[in-house]
Amino acid sequence: MPTLNWIGKDKVINHHLEVPFHVLERQYSFDEAGKHEEDNGSENMIIHGDNLLALKSLLPKYEGRIKCIYIDPPYNTGNENWVYNDNVNDPQMQHWLHQVVGKEGEDLSRHDKWLCMMYPRLKLLQRLLADDGVIFISIDDNEQANLKLICDEIFGVGNFISNIACVNKPSGRSDDKYIATAHEHIVIYKKQGVPEFNGFAPDEKITKRYTKLDKNNRLYREEDLRKRGTHDERVDRPNLFYPFFYNEKTKDLIIGENEEVTPCGYIRIEPLKDIETQGTWRWGKDTAREKKFYLHPRYMPNKKQWSVFEYQYLDERGKVKPISVWDFKDVNSERGTELFYKFLGFDKSDFPNPKPVGTIERIIQIATAQDTIILDSFAGSGTTAHAVLNMNKTDGGNRKFICIEMMDYADTITAERVKRVINGYGEGKKTVDGTGGNFSYYELGEPLLVDDKLNNAVSTEKIREYIYYMETKQALPEASADEPMLLGVYHGAAYYFNYEKDASTTLNAAFLKSIKTQAEAYVIYADTCVISENKLQEFHITFKKIPRDIARL
């Protein structure tokens, strides 16, 4: 498979493994009662901090659980003033730190920096994605080709789904030199399983094709069952080549075999594309037998031949498969700008070019069930959270959002927008009722380990969560009142974390006597162990030394 090389690639392929694990610290919660310090238990999260660190902090709880990811990373136009800040231990890349990435002629390493920034983030996003999950990435022509190649490498070329042309400026950009670009891209990949894609409700472009009315007043259209195209598939797909026999008097339709002679009183109908060229049907014989009541033969005077037509009913197309060109009004970038400034009440200087809610609502329609978690690690103005709350209000769903934003406006714009959406916004005729809902706001906290030692600034509970996840890939159960050192039991093994911040702990006979949980095996963390190796084996105990044996994400 072709791969892309760039300056710094060898340094960032495994950089996501080198990034220290940081804990998340909840700052406040928000719901219809307003902002308060008490934890409301919300699974909706807005996280302020570098998204590379924040993505890693989500792994203990969310690895393999996210069904839908949407990201809108920097397009690398040269006008965005984004800065490469990943602290990769390499002199060349250290030289890049804190420098604004400029235009092509000014910054010859512009694309290298963008690729070095994106690669480790995509690696973590791939880990967070569920096996049947899907990632959608908005991008334009500056990096679309590069993005496709690194996604092929990270997600697998066979997991590419589509590249949607999202027409966000129908008139085109007037400042483009040769061609006025009217669209951006939405690149879509799956993890590995088969995602459950939903369709869109049919719009006017589709419904206007259904012009016929049957005796039950159902709208339908006729679609020729003949296979279109010039390729003769009779050799490759022999099951698609067979005759129909039709009796005009009795209206009886028989699905025949190739060798059959036309029965008496029946017309033989074969999938002729024209007088000279023969083709195949779109349906195999089994499908034709199953759906025979949808079929109707008809003579075509202009072709001087008979064919078979499928009846397609509009009311059976409650949803239609999404197409690769989105030229809907609600994905127009002007809609995003209008909503953000005129309705939500933000100033034009607050955030440039906010994404239209309709774009992300359509993604949610396609790729989510009503209880899905949606992750956006380039949250910007908070459009993804807005779209999730809108969709939940519309269909009564219980979708959750996780939004990460590194800029200082994470609270004043990203979270503030979500507050207004929950409570309602606008005035007069522009008033929009609130969606309801809630969220908690987090800051990226301390690293778990400092110089390979547990950080005393990190709470014991967060350390316990991390240890248990690294052992079991499961969320930490509620603490046991009887056994405060017990983390939990998983697949027959009981896990204990014998830890005190300001004291040294020992795995000794007294600790073993305090164990009340019956299990097939035991994994016990402590600072030291005085139990003999023979005794450990006799009681099926694995001792792990703190901090030496704590696994690193």
Protein backbone atom coordinates (compact mmCIF):
# COMPACT_ATOMS: atom_id res chain seq x y z
CA MET A 1 0.00 0.00 0.00
CA PRO A 2 1.38 3.47 -0.84
CA THR A 3 2.34 5.50 2.23
CA LEU A 4 3.14 9.14 2.76
CA ASN A 5 6.47 10.32 4.16
CA TRP A 6 7.24 13.74 5.59
CA ILE A 7 9.71 15.47 7.90
CA GLY A 8 9.18 14.17 11.44
CA LYS A 9 7.02 11.15 10.58
CA ASP A 10 9.37 8.68 12.26
CA LYS A 11 9.17 10.76 15.44
CA VAL A 12 5.36 10.93 15.66
CA ILE A 13 4.28 7.41 14.65
CA ASN A 14 4.43 6.35 18.31
CA HIS A 15 4.23 9.78 19.91
CA HIS A 16 0.73 9.02 21.26
CA LEU A 17 2.37 6.36 23.47
CA GLU A 18 4.92 8.83 24.83
CA VAL A 19 2.36 11.46 25.82
CA PRO A 20 1.93 11.45 29.62
CA PHE A 21 -1.46 10.48 30.99
CA HIS A 22 -3.25 13.44 32.61
CA VAL A 23 -6.34 13.28 34.78
CA LEU A 24 -9.46 15.36 34.12
CA GLU A 25 -10.67 17.73 36.83
CA ARG A 26 -14.34 18.70 36.83
CA GLN A 27 -14.74 22.46 37.40
CA TYR A 28 -18.52 22.81 37.44
CA SER A 29 -21.72 21.25 36.17
CA PHE A 30 -24.57 22.89 34.29
CA ASP A 31 -28.20 21.94 33.75
CA GLU A 32 -31.62 23.59 33.77
CA ALA A 33 -30.92 24.67 37.35
CA GLY A 34 -27.93 26.67 36.10
CA LYS A 35 -24.24 26.45 36.92
CA HIS A 36 -23.24 24.76 40.19
CA GLU A 37 -20.27 23.08 41.83
CA GLU A 38 -22.13 19.87 42.67
CA ASP A 39 -21.59 17.00 40.24
CA ASN A 40 -24.86 16.37 38.38
CA GLY A 41 -23.56 13.06 37.01
CA SER A 42 -23.76 14.28 33.43
CA GLU A 43 -22.00 12.18 30.80
CA ASN A 44 -21.83 15.22 28.53
CA MET A 45 -18.35 16.71 28.78
CA ILE A 46 -16.69 19.92 27.65
CA ILE A 47 -12.93 19.66 28.23
CA HIS A 48 -10.51 22.58 28.12
CA GLY A 49 -6.99 21.51 27.23
CA ASP A 50 -4.66 20.25 24.54
CA ASN A 51 -6.64 17.65 22.65
CA LEU A 52 -3.73 15.20 22.36
CA LEU A 53 -3.48 15.03 26.16
CA ALA A 54 -7.25 15.14 26.61
CA LEU A 55 -7.83 12.27 24.17
CA LYS A 56 -5.39 10.14 26.13
CA SER A 57 -7.15 11.04 29.37
CA LEU A 58 -10.39 9.60 27.92
CA LEU A 59 -8.94 6.15 27.23
CA PRO A 60 -9.57 4.56 30.66
CA LYS A 61 -13.32 5.09 30.34
CA TYR A 62 -13.98 5.40 26.63
CA GLU A 63 -11.53 3.26 24.65
CA GLY A 64 -13.54 1.34 22.05
CA ARG A 65 -16.83 2.95 23.12
CA ILE A 66 -17.24 5.96 20.82
CA LYS A 67 -19.63 5.19 17.96
CA CYS A 68 -19.32 8.52 16.15
CA ILE A 69 -16.43 10.98 15.94
CA TYR A 70 -16.61 14.30 14.12
CA ILE A 71 -13.60 16.60 13.89
CA ASP A 72 -13.00 19.89 12.13
CA PRO A 73 -9.20 20.31 12.40
CA PRO A 74 -7.26 23.30 11.05
CA TYR A 75 -7.45 23.27 7.26
CA ASN A 76 -3.88 24.59 7.08
CA THR A 77 -4.78 27.43 4.74
CA GLY A 78 -1.93 29.60 5.99
CA ASN A 79 -4.39 32.13 7.40
CA GLU A 80 -5.47 30.30 10.55
CA ASN A 81 -2.61 31.19 12.91
CA TRP A 82 -2.48 27.72 14.40
CA VAL A 83 0.64 26.74 16.33
CA TYR A 84 2.50 23.43 16.50
CA ASN A 85 2.95 22.71 20.22
CA ASP A 86 3.51 18.95 20.54
CA ASN A 87 6.64 18.48 22.61
CA VAL A 88 8.31 15.77 20.52
CA ASN A 89 11.89 15.06 21.59
CA ASP A 90 13.59 15.96 18.32
CA PRO A 91 15.74 19.06 17.58
CA GLN A 92 14.01 19.80 14.28
CA MET A 93 10.57 19.62 15.81
CA GLN A 94 11.62 21.48 18.95
CA HIS A 95 12.48 24.32 16.58
CA TRP A 96 8.84 24.31 15.39
CA LEU A 97 7.39 24.83 18.87
CA HIS A 98 5.24 27.91 19.45
CA GLN A 99 5.70 29.14 15.88
CA VAL A 100 2.61 30.17 13.96
CA VAL A 101 2.22 28.05 10.84
CA GLY A 102 2.27 30.33 7.82
CA LYS A 103 1.54 30.18 4.12
CA GLU A 104 3.26 27.86 1.68
CA GLY A 105 5.90 30.26 0.47
CA GLU A 106 6.64 31.56 3.96
CA ASP A 107 6.73 28.19 5.70
CA LEU A 108 8.28 25.32 3.75
CA SER A 109 7.50 22.87 6.56
CA ARG A 110 3.82 23.85 6.74
CA HIS A 111 2.44 20.48 5.60
CA ASP A 112 5.00 18.54 7.67
CA LYS A 113 3.82 20.34 10.81
CA TRP A 114 0.17 19.66 10.03
CA LEU A 115 0.82 15.96 9.44
CA CYS A 116 2.90 15.69 12.63
CA MET A 117 0.07 17.34 14.56
CA MET A 118 -2.69 15.15 13.07
CA TYR A 119 -1.03 11.73 13.11
CA PRO A 120 -0.88 11.04 16.88
CA ARG A 121 -4.35 12.51 17.39
CA LEU A 122 -5.82 10.22 14.75
CA LYS A 123 -4.05 7.27 16.40
CA LEU A 124 -5.81 8.02 19.69
CA LEU A 125 -9.13 8.68 17.97
CA GLN A 126 -8.83 5.28 16.30
CA ARG A 127 -8.39 3.66 19.72
CA LEU A 128 -11.41 5.46 21.13
CA LEU A 129 -13.62 4.46 18.20
CA ALA A 130 -15.90 1.44 18.68
CA ASP A 131 -15.39 -1.52 16.35
CA ASP A 132 -18.54 -0.52 14.46
CA GLY A 133 -17.85 3.20 14.89
CA VAL A 134 -17.33 5.85 12.22
CA ILE A 135 -15.19 9.00 12.04
CA PHE A 136 -16.12 12.05 9.94
CA ILE A 137 -13.41 14.65 9.21
CA SER A 138 -14.09 18.05 7.65
CA ILE A 139 -11.23 19.31 5.48
CA ASP A 140 -10.59 21.31 2.33
CA ASP A 141 -8.21 20.87 -0.60
CA ASN A 142 -5.14 22.14 1.28
CA GLU A 143 -4.75 18.84 3.16
CA GLN A 144 -7.47 16.51 1.85
CA ALA A 145 -5.07 14.33 -0.16
CA ASN A 146 -2.59 14.09 2.72
CA LEU A 147 -5.38 13.32 5.18
CA LYS A 148 -6.67 10.49 2.99
CA LEU A 149 -3.23 8.85 2.88
CA ILE A 150 -2.59 8.96 6.63
CA CYS A 151 -6.13 7.75 7.36
CA ASP A 152 -5.52 4.84 4.96
CA GLU A 153 -2.46 4.04 7.08
CA ILE A 154 -4.13 4.44 10.50
CA PHE A 155 -7.64 3.11 9.86
CA GLY A 156 -6.85 0.81 6.93
CA VAL A 157 -7.46 1.49 3.26
CA GLY A 158 -10.31 -1.03 3.28
CA ASN A 159 -12.13 0.97 5.96
CA PHE A 160 -12.53 4.07 3.81
CA ILE A 161 -16.25 4.76 3.33
CA SER A 162 -16.62 7.95 1.33
CA ASN A 163 -15.48 11.48 0.63
CA ILE A 164 -18.54 13.72 0.76
CA ALA A 165 -18.52 16.98 -1.17
CA CYS A 166 -20.28 19.35 1.22
CA VAL A 167 -21.48 22.39 -0.74
CA ASN A 168 -21.09 25.03 1.93
CA LYS A 169 -20.79 28.03 -0.40
CA PRO A 170 -22.95 27.47 -3.50
CA SER A 171 -21.75 30.64 -5.24
CA GLY A 172 -18.10 29.62 -4.84
CA ARG A 173 -15.28 31.57 -3.25
CA SER A 174 -14.66 34.69 -5.27
CA ASP A 175 -11.03 34.98 -4.16
CA ASP A 176 -10.06 31.61 -5.69
CA LYS A 177 -7.70 32.15 -8.61
CA TYR A 178 -9.06 29.81 -11.29
CA ILE A 179 -12.05 27.83 -10.04
CA ALA A 180 -14.50 29.24 -7.49
CA THR A 181 -14.58 26.45 -4.89
CA ALA A 182 -18.10 25.78 -3.65
CA HIS A 183 -17.50 22.78 -1.39
CA GLU A 184 -15.42 21.26 1.36
CA HIS A 185 -14.79 17.58 2.03
CA ILE A 186 -16.06 15.26 4.74
CA VAL A 187 -13.79 12.21 4.76
CA ILE A 188 -15.36 9.13 6.37
CA TYR A 189 -13.69 5.99 7.77
CA LYS A 190 -14.95 3.11 9.87
CA LYS A 191 -12.99 1.22 12.53
CA GLN A 192 -13.34 -2.36 11.33
CA GLY A 193 -16.87 -3.65 11.79
CA VAL A 194 -19.96 -2.87 9.75
CA PRO A 195 -21.46 0.46 10.87
CA GLU A 196 -25.23 0.82 11.05
CA PHE A 197 -25.83 3.73 8.69
CA ASN A 198 -29.19 5.45 8.70
CA GLY A 199 -30.65 7.25 5.71
CA PHE A 200 -32.15 10.70 5.25
CA ALA A 201 -35.83 11.44 4.93
CA PRO A 202 -36.48 11.87 1.18
CA ASP A 203 -36.45 15.51 0.08
CA GLU A 204 -38.24 17.21 -2.82
CA LYS A 205 -35.60 16.10 -5.32
CA ILE A 206 -36.59 12.50 -4.59
CA THR A 207 -40.31 12.81 -3.90
CA LYS A 208 -41.02 14.62 -7.18
CA ARG A 209 -40.02 11.46 -9.09
CA TYR A 210 -43.00 9.58 -7.65
CA THR A 211 -45.86 10.67 -9.93
CA LYS A 212 -48.02 7.56 -10.32
CA LEU A 213 -50.87 6.55 -8.03
CA ASP A 214 -52.03 2.95 -7.55
CA LYS A 215 -55.55 1.80 -6.68
CA ASN A 216 -54.74 2.18 -2.98
CA ASN A 217 -53.67 5.82 -3.50
CA ARG A 218 -50.00 5.01 -2.89
CA LEU A 219 -47.44 7.07 -4.81
CA TYR A 220 -44.97 5.07 -6.85
CA ARG A 221 -42.63 5.24 -9.82
CA GLU A 222 -41.59 2.66 -12.39
CA GLU A 223 -37.93 1.64 -12.60
CA ASP A 224 -36.74 -0.54 -15.47
CA LEU A 225 -35.45 -3.84 -14.11
CA ARG A 226 -32.88 -4.10 -16.87
CA LYS A 227 -29.26 -3.70 -15.78
CA ARG A 228 -27.88 -0.42 -17.01
CA GLY A 229 -24.41 -0.04 -18.48
CA THR A 230 -22.48 -1.57 -21.33
CA HIS A 231 -20.83 -4.52 -19.56
CA ASP A 232 -22.40 -7.88 -20.44
CA GLU A 233 -22.56 -9.76 -17.12
CA ARG A 234 -24.06 -13.00 -18.43
CA VAL A 235 -20.78 -14.83 -17.91
CA ASP A 236 -19.89 -13.29 -14.53
CA ARG A 237 -23.44 -13.17 -13.14
CA PRO A 238 -25.48 -15.91 -14.85
CA ASN A 239 -28.14 -15.69 -12.12
CA LEU A 240 -29.08 -12.26 -13.49
CA PHE A 241 -29.94 -13.62 -16.95
CA TYR A 242 -33.27 -15.42 -17.27
CA PRO A 243 -36.59 -14.84 -19.07
CA PHE A 244 -39.96 -13.69 -17.78
CA PHE A 245 -43.15 -15.12 -19.32
CA TYR A 246 -46.18 -12.83 -19.36
CA ASN A 247 -49.80 -13.58 -20.28
CA GLU A 248 -51.55 -10.37 -21.29
CA LYS A 249 -55.00 -11.85 -20.81
CA THR A 250 -54.54 -13.38 -17.35
CA LYS A 251 -51.87 -10.84 -16.24
CA ASP A 252 -49.87 -13.81 -14.99
CA LEU A 253 -46.08 -13.37 -14.73
CA ILE A 254 -43.82 -16.43 -14.64
CA ILE A 255 -40.10 -16.35 -13.78
CA GLY A 256 -38.50 -18.85 -16.14
CA GLU A 257 -35.24 -20.60 -16.89
CA ASN A 258 -32.94 -19.90 -19.83
CA GLU A 259 -33.69 -23.20 -21.59
CA GLU A 260 -37.44 -22.91 -21.33
CA VAL A 261 -39.55 -22.53 -24.45
CA THR A 262 -42.14 -19.79 -24.23
CA PRO A 263 -45.33 -21.35 -22.81
CA CYS A 264 -48.42 -21.21 -24.97
CA GLY A 265 -50.19 -17.86 -24.75
CA TYR A 266 -47.23 -16.15 -23.00
CA ILE A 267 -44.82 -13.50 -24.20
CA ARG A 268 -41.13 -14.22 -23.58
CA ILE A 269 -39.32 -11.19 -22.12
CA GLU A 270 -35.52 -11.11 -21.89
CA PRO A 271 -33.34 -8.29 -20.56
CA LEU A 272 -32.57 -6.76 -23.95
CA LYS A 273 -30.88 -3.41 -23.69
CA ASP A 274 -31.66 -2.75 -27.30
CA ILE A 275 -32.39 -4.72 -30.46
CA GLU A 276 -28.76 -5.86 -30.95
CA THR A 277 -27.28 -6.01 -27.44
CA GLN A 278 -28.39 -8.37 -24.71
CA GLY A 279 -27.93 -7.70 -21.00
CA THR A 280 -29.12 -8.87 -17.57
CA TRP A 281 -31.69 -7.98 -14.92
CA ARG A 282 -30.86 -6.05 -11.77
CA TRP A 283 -32.52 -8.74 -9.63
CA GLY A 284 -31.65 -12.41 -9.40
CA LYS A 285 -34.37 -15.02 -9.76
CA ASP A 286 -34.80 -15.50 -6.01
CA THR A 287 -35.38 -11.78 -5.44
CA ALA A 288 -37.76 -11.65 -8.43
CA ARG A 289 -39.81 -14.52 -7.01
CA GLU A 290 -39.89 -12.90 -3.56
CA LYS A 291 -40.93 -9.48 -4.90
CA LYS A 292 -43.00 -10.51 -7.90
CA PHE A 293 -45.90 -8.33 -6.76
CA TYR A 294 -43.67 -5.28 -7.35
CA LEU A 295 -43.11 -6.20 -11.01
CA HIS A 296 -45.11 -5.27 -14.07
CA PRO A 297 -44.29 -6.04 -17.75
CA ARG A 298 -44.84 -3.28 -20.28
CA TYR A 299 -44.36 -2.93 -24.01
CA MET A 300 -42.10 -0.07 -25.08
CA PRO A 301 -43.10 1.07 -28.58
CA ASN A 302 -39.98 3.21 -29.01
CA LYS A 303 -37.82 0.15 -28.40
CA LYS A 304 -40.22 -2.27 -30.11
CA GLN A 305 -39.76 -4.69 -27.23
CA TRP A 306 -41.15 -5.73 -23.87
CA SER A 307 -39.44 -5.12 -20.54
CA VAL A 308 -40.21 -5.59 -16.86
CA PHE A 309 -40.56 -2.63 -14.53
CA GLU A 310 -40.23 -2.48 -10.77
CA TYR A 311 -42.81 -0.52 -8.78
CA GLN A 312 -40.96 1.66 -6.25
CA TYR A 313 -43.29 3.05 -3.57
CA LEU A 314 -42.52 6.34 -1.86
CA ASP A 315 -43.99 5.31 1.48
CA GLU A 316 -41.53 2.41 1.63
CA ARG A 317 -38.62 4.77 1.23
CA GLY A 318 -38.95 6.35 4.64
CA LYS A 319 -35.19 6.83 4.49
CA VAL A 320 -32.94 7.11 1.46
CA LYS A 321 -29.25 6.28 1.29
CA PRO A 322 -27.07 9.41 1.76
CA ILE A 323 -25.35 10.57 -1.40
CA SER A 324 -21.78 11.83 -1.71
CA VAL A 325 -22.79 15.41 -2.59
CA TRP A 326 -24.49 17.46 0.11
CA ASP A 327 -25.99 20.56 -1.43
CA PHE A 328 -28.64 21.04 1.24
CA LYS A 329 -29.46 24.51 2.52
CA ASP A 330 -28.67 23.58 6.11
CA VAL A 331 -24.99 22.83 5.35
CA ASN A 332 -24.40 26.31 3.90
CA SER A 333 -21.71 28.11 5.89
CA GLU A 334 -23.87 31.25 5.95
CA ARG A 335 -26.36 29.33 8.10
CA GLY A 336 -23.68 28.69 10.69
CA THR A 337 -22.64 32.33 10.75
CA GLU A 338 -26.22 33.62 10.93
CA LEU A 339 -27.16 31.30 13.79
CA PHE A 340 -24.03 32.10 15.79
CA TYR A 341 -24.25 35.89 15.50
CA LYS A 342 -27.92 36.80 14.97
CA PHE A 343 -29.62 34.14 17.08
CA LEU A 344 -27.12 32.98 19.70
CA GLY A 345 -26.00 36.55 20.24
CA PHE A 346 -22.21 36.22 19.95
CA ASP A 347 -20.06 38.98 18.49
CA LYS A 348 -18.52 38.59 15.03
CA SER A 349 -15.04 38.81 16.58
CA ASP A 350 -15.73 35.89 18.93
CA PHE A 351 -15.30 33.05 16.46
CA PRO A 352 -14.75 33.07 12.66
CA ASN A 353 -16.75 30.76 10.38
CA PRO A 354 -18.64 28.58 12.88
CA LYS A 355 -19.80 25.28 11.37
CA PRO A 356 -23.50 25.08 10.44
CA VAL A 357 -25.48 22.90 12.83
CA GLY A 358 -27.17 21.17 9.88
CA THR A 359 -23.91 19.57 8.73
CA ILE A 360 -23.36 17.81 12.03
CA GLU A 361 -27.04 17.01 12.51
CA ARG A 362 -26.89 15.12 9.20
CA ILE A 363 -23.82 13.22 10.39
CA ILE A 364 -25.64 12.33 13.61
CA GLN A 365 -28.67 11.18 11.59
CA ILE A 366 -26.46 8.89 9.51
CA ALA A 367 -24.18 7.37 12.11
CA THR A 368 -25.83 7.35 15.52
CA ALA A 369 -28.50 5.58 17.50
CA GLN A 370 -30.39 7.43 20.21
CA ASP A 371 -27.93 6.44 22.95
CA THR A 372 -24.68 7.08 21.04
CA ILE A 373 -21.62 8.97 22.33
CA ILE A 374 -20.39 11.61 19.87
CA LEU A 375 -16.83 12.93 20.26
CA ASP A 376 -15.45 16.16 18.83
CA SER A 377 -11.81 16.87 19.71
CA PHE A 378 -11.65 20.16 17.77
CA ALA A 379 -14.82 21.59 19.32
CA GLY A 380 -14.41 25.25 18.33
CA SER A 381 -17.65 27.15 18.90
CA GLY A 382 -19.50 24.08 20.19
CA THR A 383 -21.56 23.24 17.09
CA THR A 384 -21.34 19.48 17.72
CA ALA A 385 -22.80 19.78 21.24
CA HIS A 386 -25.51 22.06 19.83
CA ALA A 387 -26.38 19.48 17.15
CA VAL A 388 -26.53 16.63 19.69
CA LEU A 389 -28.90 18.57 21.96
CA ASN A 390 -31.08 19.49 18.97
CA MET A 391 -31.31 15.87 17.83
CA ASN A 392 -32.17 14.65 21.34
CA LYS A 393 -34.95 17.21 21.57
CA THR A 394 -36.27 16.22 18.14
CA ASP A 395 -36.45 12.45 18.60
CA GLY A 396 -36.29 12.02 22.38
CA GLY A 397 -32.83 10.49 22.17
CA ASN A 398 -30.23 10.25 24.91
CA ARG A 399 -27.06 10.87 22.91
CA LYS A 400 -24.01 12.14 24.76
CA PHE A 401 -21.33 14.57 23.60
CA ILE A 402 -17.67 14.92 24.52
CA CYS A 403 -16.15 18.15 23.24
CA ILE A 404 -12.48 19.12 23.59
CA GLU A 405 -11.22 22.64 22.97
CA MET A 406 -7.69 23.84 23.72
CA MET A 407 -8.24 27.59 23.31
CA ASP A 408 -9.09 29.89 26.20
CA TYR A 409 -12.60 30.44 24.81
CA ALA A 410 -13.55 26.87 25.77
CA ASP A 411 -15.59 28.28 28.66
CA THR A 412 -16.60 31.70 27.35
CA ILE A 413 -17.71 30.54 23.88
CA THR A 414 -17.86 26.74 23.57
CA ALA A 415 -19.51 26.09 26.95
CA GLU A 416 -21.43 29.35 26.89
CA ARG A 417 -23.07 28.41 23.60
CA VAL A 418 -24.18 25.08 25.07
CA LYS A 419 -25.66 26.87 28.07
CA ARG A 420 -27.72 29.10 25.77
CA VAL A 421 -28.90 26.13 23.74
CA ILE A 422 -30.03 24.30 26.91
CA ASN A 423 -31.87 27.36 28.26
CA GLY A 424 -33.11 28.84 24.98
CA TYR A 425 -31.84 31.85 23.07
CA GLY A 426 -32.80 34.75 20.83
CA GLU A 427 -35.39 37.48 21.26
CA GLY A 428 -38.76 38.25 19.75
CA LYS A 429 -39.39 36.39 16.50
CA LYS A 430 -35.88 34.94 16.76
CA THR A 431 -36.60 33.19 20.06
CA VAL A 432 -35.65 29.50 20.13
CA ASP A 433 -36.86 27.31 22.98
CA GLY A 434 -34.25 25.51 25.05
CA THR A 435 -33.39 21.90 24.38
CA GLY A 436 -32.89 21.00 28.02
CA GLY A 437 -29.97 18.79 28.92
CA ASN A 438 -26.79 19.17 30.93
CA PHE A 439 -23.01 18.93 30.89
CA SER A 440 -19.95 19.14 33.09
CA TYR A 441 -16.96 21.35 32.35
CA TYR A 442 -13.44 19.95 32.85
CA GLU A 443 -9.90 21.23 32.87
CA LEU A 444 -6.96 19.04 31.92
CA GLY A 445 -5.37 18.22 35.25
CA GLU A 446 -2.06 16.92 36.54
CA PRO A 447 -0.07 14.08 34.97
CA LEU A 448 -0.56 10.79 36.80
CA LEU A 449 3.18 10.08 36.92
CA VAL A 450 6.03 12.54 37.43
CA ASP A 451 9.55 11.18 36.94
CA ASP A 452 8.04 7.67 36.99
CA LYS A 453 6.54 8.27 40.45
CA LEU A 454 2.88 8.67 41.34
CA ASN A 455 1.96 12.34 41.49
CA ASN A 456 0.74 13.24 44.99
CA ALA A 457 -1.36 16.02 43.49
CA VAL A 458 -3.59 13.41 41.81
CA SER A 459 -6.46 12.03 43.87
CA THR A 460 -6.31 8.39 44.94
CA GLU A 461 -9.65 7.71 43.26
CA LYS A 462 -8.31 8.77 39.85
CA ILE A 463 -5.21 6.62 40.36
CA ARG A 464 -7.48 3.66 41.20
CA GLU A 465 -9.52 4.26 38.04
CA TYR A 466 -6.35 4.23 35.97
CA ILE A 467 -4.89 1.08 37.57
CA TYR A 468 -8.11 -0.90 37.17
CA TYR A 469 -8.52 0.17 33.57
CA MET A 470 -4.95 -0.82 32.71
CA GLU A 471 -5.57 -4.25 34.22
CA THR A 472 -9.05 -4.97 32.89
CA LYS A 473 -9.96 -2.31 30.28
CA GLN A 474 -13.08 -1.80 32.41
CA ALA A 475 -14.48 1.17 34.33
CA LEU A 476 -13.81 1.12 38.07
CA PRO A 477 -16.75 -0.29 40.08
CA GLU A 478 -18.07 1.46 43.18
CA ALA A 479 -15.72 1.15 46.14
CA SER A 480 -16.37 -1.59 48.70
CA ALA A 481 -17.10 -0.31 52.21
CA ASP A 482 -15.67 -3.50 53.69
CA GLU A 483 -12.51 -3.57 51.57
CA PRO A 484 -11.29 -0.05 50.73
CA MET A 485 -8.21 -1.40 48.90
CA LEU A 486 -10.28 -3.62 46.57
CA LEU A 487 -10.55 -2.26 43.04
CA GLY A 488 -12.88 -4.93 41.68
CA VAL A 489 -13.21 -8.48 40.41
CA TYR A 490 -12.90 -9.28 36.71
CA HIS A 491 -12.79 -12.69 34.98
CA GLY A 492 -12.18 -14.50 38.25
CA ALA A 493 -9.35 -12.25 39.46
CA ALA A 494 -9.61 -9.79 42.36
CA TYR A 495 -7.55 -6.60 42.08
CA TYR A 496 -6.24 -4.74 45.15
CA PHE A 497 -4.43 -1.40 45.26
CA ASN A 498 -2.70 -1.15 48.64
CA TYR A 499 -1.69 2.50 48.48
CA GLU A 500 -1.37 5.47 50.84
CA LYS A 501 -0.05 8.81 49.66
CA ASP A 502 2.17 9.64 52.60
CA ALA A 503 3.17 6.16 53.74
CA SER A 504 4.82 3.03 52.43
CA THR A 505 2.57 0.00 52.08
CA THR A 506 3.51 -3.66 52.38
CA LEU A 507 1.99 -6.87 51.13
CA ASN A 508 2.32 -9.01 54.25
CA ALA A 509 0.41 -11.63 56.23
CA ALA A 510 -1.73 -8.99 57.94
CA PHE A 511 -2.90 -7.65 54.55
CA LEU A 512 -3.68 -11.15 53.33
CA LYS A 513 -5.83 -11.76 56.42
CA SER A 514 -7.83 -8.59 55.63
CA ILE A 515 -8.89 -9.94 52.22
CA LYS A 516 -12.55 -11.00 52.25
CA THR A 517 -13.25 -11.50 48.55
CA GLN A 518 -13.12 -15.04 47.25
CA ALA A 519 -11.47 -15.27 43.81
CA GLU A 520 -9.54 -17.68 41.61
CA ALA A 521 -6.55 -15.34 41.55
CA TYR A 522 -5.37 -12.09 43.09
CA VAL A 523 -3.41 -9.12 41.75
CA ILE A 524 -2.13 -6.94 44.58
CA TYR A 525 -0.28 -3.61 44.25
CA ALA A 526 1.88 -2.38 47.13
CA ASP A 527 5.18 -0.60 47.71
CA THR A 528 6.90 -3.73 49.01
CA CYS A 529 6.20 -7.42 49.51
CA VAL A 530 7.44 -9.71 52.30
CA ILE A 531 5.48 -12.79 51.29
CA SER A 532 7.65 -15.57 49.89
CA GLU A 533 7.42 -16.51 46.24
CA ASN A 534 6.16 -19.97 47.19
CA LYS A 535 3.31 -18.51 49.26
CA LEU A 536 2.38 -16.13 46.45
CA GLN A 537 2.12 -19.06 44.08
CA GLU A 538 0.20 -21.16 46.62
CA PHE A 539 -2.49 -18.47 46.99
CA HIS A 540 -2.43 -17.51 43.27
CA ILE A 541 -1.22 -14.00 44.03
CA THR A 542 0.57 -11.72 41.58
CA PHE A 543 2.45 -8.94 43.37
CA LYS A 544 2.95 -5.63 41.53
CA LYS A 545 5.29 -3.02 42.88
CA ILE A 546 4.20 0.65 43.03
CA PRO A 547 5.11 2.52 40.85
CA ARG A 548 7.40 0.21 38.89
CA ASP A 549 4.71 -2.20 37.70
CA ILE A 550 2.04 0.36 36.84
CA ALA A 551 1.45 0.00 33.11
CA ARG A 552 1.77 3.08 30.91
CA LEU A 553 -0.89 3.98 28.35
